[in-house]
Protein backbone atom coordinates (compact mmCIF):
# COMPACT_ATOMS: atom_id res chain seq x y z
CA MET A 1 -42.58 25.58 25.20
CA ALA A 2 -39.52 24.08 23.55
CA GLU A 3 -38.66 25.40 20.11
CA ALA A 4 -39.43 22.88 17.39
CA LYS A 5 -36.40 21.48 15.65
CA ARG A 6 -35.93 22.44 12.06
CA PRO A 7 -36.17 19.51 9.64
CA TRP A 8 -32.88 18.30 8.25
CA ARG A 9 -31.96 19.68 4.84
CA ALA A 10 -29.09 18.62 2.62
CA VAL A 11 -26.41 21.23 2.04
CA THR A 12 -26.48 22.40 -1.57
CA GLY A 13 -24.04 23.99 -3.96
CA SER A 14 -25.97 27.23 -3.54
CA ASP A 15 -25.20 27.20 0.20
CA VAL A 16 -21.50 26.76 -0.57
CA ALA A 17 -21.63 29.55 -3.15
CA ARG A 18 -23.16 31.99 -0.65
CA LEU A 19 -20.59 31.22 2.05
CA ALA A 20 -17.67 31.40 -0.40
CA ASP A 21 -19.11 34.53 -2.05
CA VAL A 22 -18.96 33.05 -5.54
CA SER A 23 -21.51 32.01 -8.13
CA GLN A 24 -23.00 28.53 -8.13
CA SER A 25 -21.35 27.90 -11.49
CA VAL A 26 -17.95 28.39 -9.86
CA VAL A 27 -18.83 25.78 -7.24
CA SER A 28 -19.88 23.40 -10.03
CA LEU A 29 -16.62 23.98 -11.89
CA VAL A 30 -14.54 23.28 -8.78
CA PHE A 31 -16.29 20.05 -7.89
CA SER A 32 -16.62 18.77 -11.44
CA GLY A 33 -12.86 18.95 -11.98
CA LYS A 34 -13.32 21.46 -14.82
CA ALA A 35 -12.08 24.58 -13.05
CA GLY A 36 -8.82 24.64 -15.01
CA THR A 37 -7.71 28.22 -15.63
CA ARG A 38 -11.28 29.53 -15.31
CA VAL A 39 -11.12 29.56 -11.50
CA SER A 40 -8.06 30.74 -9.60
CA GLU A 41 -6.52 28.33 -7.11
CA ARG A 42 -7.21 30.85 -4.33
CA THR A 43 -10.93 30.95 -5.21
CA ALA A 44 -11.07 27.17 -5.58
CA GLU A 45 -9.52 26.75 -2.15
CA ARG A 46 -12.11 29.17 -0.69
CA VAL A 47 -14.86 27.06 -2.21
CA ARG A 48 -13.40 23.86 -0.77
CA GLU A 49 -13.06 25.45 2.67
CA ALA A 50 -16.69 26.61 2.56
CA ALA A 51 -17.80 23.12 1.52
CA ALA A 52 -15.82 21.58 4.38
CA ARG A 53 -17.36 23.98 6.91
CA LEU A 54 -20.88 23.18 5.74
CA GLY A 55 -20.29 19.45 5.31
CA TYR A 56 -21.17 19.66 1.64
CA VAL A 57 -20.97 16.42 -0.35
CA PRO A 58 -21.28 16.75 -4.15
CA ASN A 59 -24.16 14.82 -5.70
CA THR A 60 -22.39 12.05 -7.59
CA ALA A 61 -25.48 11.21 -9.62
CA ALA A 62 -25.74 14.82 -10.80
CA ALA A 63 -22.01 14.92 -11.43
CA ARG A 64 -22.29 11.86 -13.61
CA LEU A 65 -25.03 13.47 -15.70
CA LYS A 66 -22.92 16.59 -16.22
CA THR A 67 -19.46 15.05 -16.70
CA GLY A 68 -20.18 11.45 -17.74
CA ARG A 69 -18.02 10.11 -14.89
CA VAL A 70 -18.46 9.04 -11.28
CA PRO A 71 -15.91 10.77 -9.01
CA ILE A 72 -15.35 7.70 -6.84
CA ILE A 73 -12.51 5.15 -7.12
CA GLY A 74 -12.66 1.78 -5.40
CA LEU A 75 -9.51 0.42 -3.72
CA ALA A 76 -9.74 -3.36 -3.33
CA VAL A 77 -7.24 -4.84 -0.83
CA ARG A 78 -6.78 -8.27 0.72
CA ASP A 79 -6.70 -7.38 4.41
CA VAL A 80 -7.57 -3.93 5.75
CA SER A 81 -6.06 -4.86 9.14
CA GLN A 82 -2.56 -4.70 7.64
CA PRO A 83 -0.94 -1.32 8.41
CA PHE A 84 0.43 -0.95 4.87
CA PHE A 85 -3.05 -1.10 3.33
CA ALA A 86 -4.40 1.41 5.85
CA SER A 87 -1.59 3.80 4.93
CA LEU A 88 -2.14 3.21 1.21
CA PHE A 89 -5.84 4.03 1.55
CA GLN A 90 -5.18 7.18 3.56
CA HIS A 91 -2.72 8.54 0.99
CA ALA A 92 -4.90 7.49 -1.96
CA GLU A 93 -7.87 9.35 -0.50
CA ARG A 94 -5.75 12.49 -0.08
CA ARG A 95 -4.48 12.34 -3.65
CA ALA A 96 -7.97 11.70 -5.00
CA ARG A 97 -9.43 14.68 -3.11
CA GLU A 98 -6.89 16.91 -4.83
CA ARG A 99 -8.52 15.82 -8.10
CA ASP A 100 -12.07 16.20 -6.77
CA HIS A 101 -12.54 12.45 -6.37
CA SER A 102 -13.03 10.12 -3.43
CA VAL A 103 -11.69 6.65 -2.69
CA ILE A 104 -13.69 3.93 -0.96
CA LEU A 105 -12.15 0.80 0.51
CA ILE A 106 -13.28 -2.63 -0.64
CA THR A 107 -11.97 -5.56 1.38
CA ARG A 108 -11.69 -9.12 0.19
CA ASP A 109 -10.33 -12.44 1.37
CA ASP A 110 -7.65 -14.29 -0.56
CA GLY A 111 -10.05 -17.21 -0.92
CA GLU A 112 -12.92 -15.09 -2.23
CA THR A 113 -13.34 -15.89 -5.91
CA SER A 114 -16.26 -13.55 -6.61
CA TRP A 115 -14.64 -10.24 -5.64
CA THR A 116 -13.68 -9.47 -9.23
CA ASP A 117 -17.32 -9.84 -10.32
CA ARG A 118 -18.44 -7.66 -7.41
CA LEU A 119 -15.92 -4.97 -8.32
CA ALA A 120 -16.98 -5.04 -11.98
CA ASP A 121 -20.66 -4.84 -11.00
CA LEU A 122 -20.01 -1.74 -8.87
CA ILE A 123 -18.41 0.00 -11.85
CA ARG A 124 -21.14 -1.11 -14.30
CA ALA A 125 -23.86 0.08 -11.90
CA GLY A 126 -22.30 3.52 -11.77
CA HIS A 127 -21.31 3.34 -8.10
CA LEU A 128 -17.61 3.59 -9.02
CA GLY A 129 -15.87 5.44 -11.82
CA GLY A 130 -13.03 2.91 -11.75
CA ALA A 131 -10.95 0.82 -9.38
CA ILE A 132 -7.49 -0.01 -8.08
CA ALA A 133 -7.05 -3.72 -7.36
CA TYR A 134 -4.16 -4.53 -5.02
CA GLY A 135 -2.41 -7.82 -5.60
CA PRO A 136 -4.75 -9.68 -7.95
CA THR A 137 -3.54 -13.04 -9.20
CA GLY A 138 -2.80 -13.41 -12.88
CA ALA A 139 -6.18 -15.08 -13.41
CA GLU A 140 -8.01 -12.36 -11.50
CA ALA A 141 -6.23 -9.64 -13.49
CA ALA A 142 -7.18 -11.39 -16.72
CA ALA A 143 -10.82 -11.58 -15.58
CA LEU A 144 -10.86 -7.87 -14.78
CA ALA A 145 -9.14 -6.98 -18.05
CA ALA A 146 -11.71 -8.99 -20.00
CA THR A 147 -14.47 -6.71 -18.71
CA GLY A 148 -12.91 -3.70 -20.46
CA LEU A 149 -13.64 -1.61 -17.38
CA PRO A 150 -11.25 1.03 -15.95
CA VAL A 151 -9.22 -1.01 -13.46
CA VAL A 152 -5.59 -0.59 -12.39
CA ALA A 153 -3.54 -3.33 -10.71
CA CYS A 154 -1.06 -2.78 -7.88
CA GLU A 155 1.82 -5.20 -7.42
CA LEU A 156 1.18 -7.35 -10.45
CA TYR A 157 2.94 -6.97 -13.77
CA GLY A 158 1.76 -8.21 -17.12
CA ASP A 159 -0.07 -7.10 -20.22
CA GLU A 160 -3.60 -7.46 -18.86
CA LEU A 161 -3.99 -4.25 -16.84
CA PRO A 162 -2.13 -0.96 -16.31
CA THR A 163 0.02 -1.57 -13.23
CA VAL A 164 1.91 0.23 -10.49
CA GLY A 165 4.23 -1.37 -7.98
CA PHE A 166 7.74 -1.57 -6.56
CA ASP A 167 11.15 -2.35 -7.98
CA PHE A 168 12.58 -4.41 -5.13
CA THR A 169 16.06 -4.87 -6.59
CA PRO A 170 17.63 -1.59 -5.36
CA GLY A 171 16.42 -1.90 -1.77
CA MET A 172 17.07 -5.62 -1.38
CA THR A 173 20.52 -5.21 -2.95
CA GLU A 174 21.34 -2.52 -0.38
CA ALA A 175 20.25 -4.89 2.37
CA ALA A 176 22.48 -7.64 1.00
CA ARG A 177 25.44 -5.28 0.78
CA LEU A 178 24.94 -4.02 4.34
CA LEU A 179 24.88 -7.56 5.72
CA ARG A 180 27.92 -8.65 3.73
CA ALA A 181 29.84 -5.51 4.77
CA ALA A 182 29.12 -6.46 8.38
CA GLY A 183 30.65 -9.90 7.79
CA HIS A 184 27.48 -11.96 7.42
CA THR A 185 27.93 -14.88 5.05
CA GLN A 186 24.96 -17.04 6.09
CA VAL A 187 21.47 -15.72 6.74
CA ALA A 188 18.03 -17.18 7.42
CA CYS A 189 14.76 -15.91 5.96
CA LEU A 190 11.40 -15.71 7.74
CA ASN A 191 8.81 -15.31 5.01
CA THR A 192 5.12 -14.57 4.78
CA ARG A 193 3.19 -17.66 3.72
CA ASN A 194 2.06 -16.05 0.50
CA ALA A 195 3.06 -16.97 -3.06
CA HIS A 196 1.99 -13.63 -4.53
CA PRO A 197 4.60 -12.05 -6.85
CA THR A 198 5.14 -9.08 -4.52
CA TYR A 199 6.67 -11.45 -1.96
CA LEU A 200 8.43 -13.65 -4.48
CA ASP A 201 10.04 -10.58 -6.08
CA ARG A 202 11.50 -9.29 -2.83
CA ARG A 203 12.79 -12.73 -1.80
CA THR A 204 14.37 -13.36 -5.19
CA ALA A 205 15.94 -9.89 -5.31
CA PHE A 206 17.61 -10.41 -1.93
CA ALA A 207 18.73 -13.99 -2.57
CA ASP A 208 20.26 -13.08 -5.95
CA ALA A 209 22.09 -10.05 -4.58
CA PHE A 210 23.36 -11.87 -1.48
CA SER A 211 24.54 -14.84 -3.54
CA ALA A 212 26.34 -12.55 -5.99
CA LEU A 213 28.22 -11.08 -3.01
CA GLY A 214 29.32 -14.52 -1.81
CA GLY A 215 26.63 -15.10 0.83
CA ARG A 216 24.16 -17.96 1.29
CA VAL A 217 20.59 -18.31 2.52
CA THR A 218 20.91 -21.36 4.77
CA ALA A 219 17.43 -21.63 6.32
CA VAL A 220 13.91 -20.57 5.40
CA ALA A 221 10.67 -20.64 7.39
CA GLU A 222 7.18 -19.49 6.37
CA THR A 223 4.35 -18.22 8.51
CA SER A 224 1.46 -15.77 8.74
CA ALA A 225 2.41 -12.10 9.00
CA THR A 226 -0.84 -11.21 10.75
CA ASP A 227 -0.97 -14.08 13.26
CA PHE A 228 1.61 -13.15 15.90
CA ASP A 229 1.45 -16.48 17.74
CA ALA A 230 2.04 -18.39 14.50
CA ALA A 231 4.91 -16.06 13.60
CA CYS A 232 6.50 -16.55 17.03
CA SER A 233 6.26 -20.32 16.65
CA ALA A 234 7.89 -20.18 13.21
CA ALA A 235 10.64 -17.83 14.43
CA THR A 236 11.36 -20.11 17.40
CA GLY A 237 11.62 -23.11 15.10
CA LEU A 238 13.92 -21.20 12.78
CA LEU A 239 16.27 -20.16 15.58
CA ASP A 240 16.22 -23.66 17.09
CA GLY A 241 17.25 -25.23 13.79
CA ALA A 242 20.59 -26.93 13.22
CA ARG A 243 21.78 -24.68 10.37
CA ARG A 244 24.13 -21.82 11.16
CA PHE A 245 23.38 -18.19 10.36
CA THR A 246 24.07 -14.77 11.88
CA ALA A 247 21.15 -12.74 10.53
CA VAL A 248 17.45 -13.11 9.73
CA VAL A 249 15.76 -11.32 6.83
CA CYS A 250 11.98 -10.93 7.22
CA ASP A 251 10.04 -10.26 4.02
CA ASP A 252 7.53 -8.18 6.03
CA ASP A 253 8.16 -5.86 9.00
CA LEU A 254 5.25 -7.54 10.81
CA LEU A 255 7.40 -10.65 11.26
CA ALA A 256 10.30 -8.87 12.96
CA PRO A 257 8.74 -8.70 16.46
CA ALA A 258 8.41 -12.50 16.40
CA VAL A 259 12.13 -12.82 15.67
CA PHE A 260 12.93 -10.39 18.50
CA ARG A 261 10.86 -12.46 20.95
CA ALA A 262 12.35 -15.77 19.83
CA ALA A 263 15.86 -14.33 20.14
CA ARG A 264 15.21 -13.05 23.67
CA ALA A 265 13.87 -16.46 24.69
CA LYS A 266 17.21 -17.96 23.68
CA GLY A 267 19.17 -15.25 25.46
CA TRP A 268 20.35 -13.68 22.19
CA ARG A 269 20.67 -9.95 21.76
CA VAL A 270 19.63 -8.02 18.65
CA PRO A 271 21.86 -7.04 16.89
CA GLU A 272 24.92 -8.20 18.87
CA ASP A 273 24.07 -11.89 18.53
CA LEU A 274 21.59 -11.76 15.66
CA SER A 275 21.05 -9.09 13.01
CA VAL A 276 17.53 -8.55 11.67
CA VAL A 277 16.31 -6.85 8.47
CA GLY A 278 12.69 -6.25 7.47
CA VAL A 279 10.71 -5.04 4.47
CA GLY A 280 8.09 -2.30 4.56
CA ASP A 281 9.28 0.50 6.85
CA LEU A 282 5.97 0.49 8.70
CA ASP A 283 5.60 2.75 11.76
CA LEU A 284 6.26 -0.43 13.73
CA ALA A 285 9.86 -0.44 12.47
CA ARG A 286 10.65 2.78 14.36
CA MET A 287 8.81 1.62 17.50
CA LEU A 288 10.77 -1.58 18.01
CA GLY A 289 13.69 -1.60 20.38
CA PRO A 290 16.17 -1.59 18.76
CA ALA A 291 14.66 0.24 15.75
CA LEU A 292 14.44 -2.03 12.71
CA THR A 293 16.64 -1.74 9.63
CA THR A 294 14.26 -2.29 6.73
CA VAL A 295 13.62 -1.81 3.02
CA ARG A 296 11.17 1.05 2.63
CA LEU A 297 8.03 0.54 0.53
CA PRO A 298 6.71 4.10 0.05
CA ALA A 299 2.92 3.79 0.41
CA ALA A 300 2.41 7.51 -0.28
CA ASP A 301 4.26 7.32 -3.60
CA LEU A 302 2.41 4.16 -4.58
CA ALA A 303 -0.93 5.82 -3.78
CA THR A 304 -0.03 8.86 -5.88
CA ALA A 305 0.93 6.70 -8.85
CA ALA A 306 -2.11 4.44 -8.50
CA VAL A 307 -4.62 7.29 -8.32
CA ALA A 308 -3.02 9.13 -11.25
CA THR A 309 -3.01 5.94 -13.33
CA ALA A 310 -6.63 5.16 -12.41
CA LEU A 311 -7.80 8.63 -13.39
CA GLY A 312 -5.93 8.29 -16.67
CA VAL A 313 -7.59 4.95 -17.39
CA ILE A 314 -11.00 6.39 -16.51
CA ASP A 315 -10.31 9.05 -19.14
CA ASN A 316 -9.39 6.30 -21.65
CA GLN A 317 -5.68 7.02 -21.47
CA ARG A 318 -3.71 3.79 -21.50
CA THR A 319 -0.58 4.26 -19.39
CA ALA A 320 2.60 2.24 -19.08
CA GLY A 321 3.37 0.39 -15.86
CA THR A 322 5.12 2.28 -13.07
CA ARG A 323 7.73 0.73 -10.79
CA LEU A 324 8.77 2.75 -7.75
CA VAL A 325 12.35 2.42 -6.54
CA THR A 326 12.86 0.94 -3.07
CA ALA A 327 15.64 1.90 -0.67
CA LEU A 328 17.12 0.59 2.57
CA VAL A 329 16.48 2.51 5.80
CA THR A 330 19.42 1.74 8.10
CA ARG A 331 18.64 1.82 11.80
CA ASP A 332 19.90 -0.31 14.71
CA THR A 333 19.38 -4.01 13.99
CA VAL A 334 22.45 -4.86 11.89
CA ALA A 335 25.85 -5.32 13.52
CA ALA A 336 29.04 -7.28 12.86
CA ALA A 337 28.38 -10.99 12.39
CA ALA A 338 28.48 -12.93 15.64
CA THR A 339 31.47 -15.28 15.81
CA GLY A 340 30.50 -18.84 15.01
CA GLY A 341 26.93 -18.07 13.97
CA HIS A 342 23.87 -19.90 15.28
């Protein structure tokens, strides 16, 4: 006769304590974030390893009763299919775990007007201790700020919410200098069809730096960064235009493959006939042939700053905005300007 299966039972803190050979109070201290100097890092790591082996998940409701806080942060992003957001979430979750918190992903569409209410309701209901909102509009940031809830904004600067983001000037200035040093005086820009400040800032930073160095942006096209067919159509139209240029600057790495394809269709080589620069330094940039020269946006650093700021806000510590410095990653897609331009 087959042995009857044992009924499922949730793993408890007592189970973790037995495996780690510590008291249950030590387990509670580790997972409540109150270990401090009372528990050595070696012991805390043993507790975490035991919890991982057993699949232990702290009871957030109990944690809230003991500590007055929910150890979960929501990360609200526009489009989870974008590689940058996936990387941001991965790094944010790692940083949060180091502080005995978790991060959950909340997706929203640009046209969804109720997401701010939904995010606020999740915090009020005790499902989230706070949230990180990526790329809210000014009106959305104001709506979130008016709730008085612990919310941090990414890539939006103002007085409404604590913010973290990028300083595009250093990286875009390096890109402008590299192109001018290679003899490029006229460039085209293929931009994401998005009026959000994060894109406007990078475009303005490049245009100002390139103009100050004696260069000119002679053609601009806009398209979707996530619709490859649309991007290819826009890139083809840009390269078929009458204006002359010797390089294309894409305000998102996702647009660069479309430029590569359009150039090949015309029999142009990258970078011999057309130089290309991107923004992002996604994994895609290293995979392209030739590898893409691009302005790096460090998702790991942004995640670290965002989680730290969110935890500070949850603890009622108002923090100043943080801008992370960008830098150019030089690879293989910038060469001397082609004679005569295109």
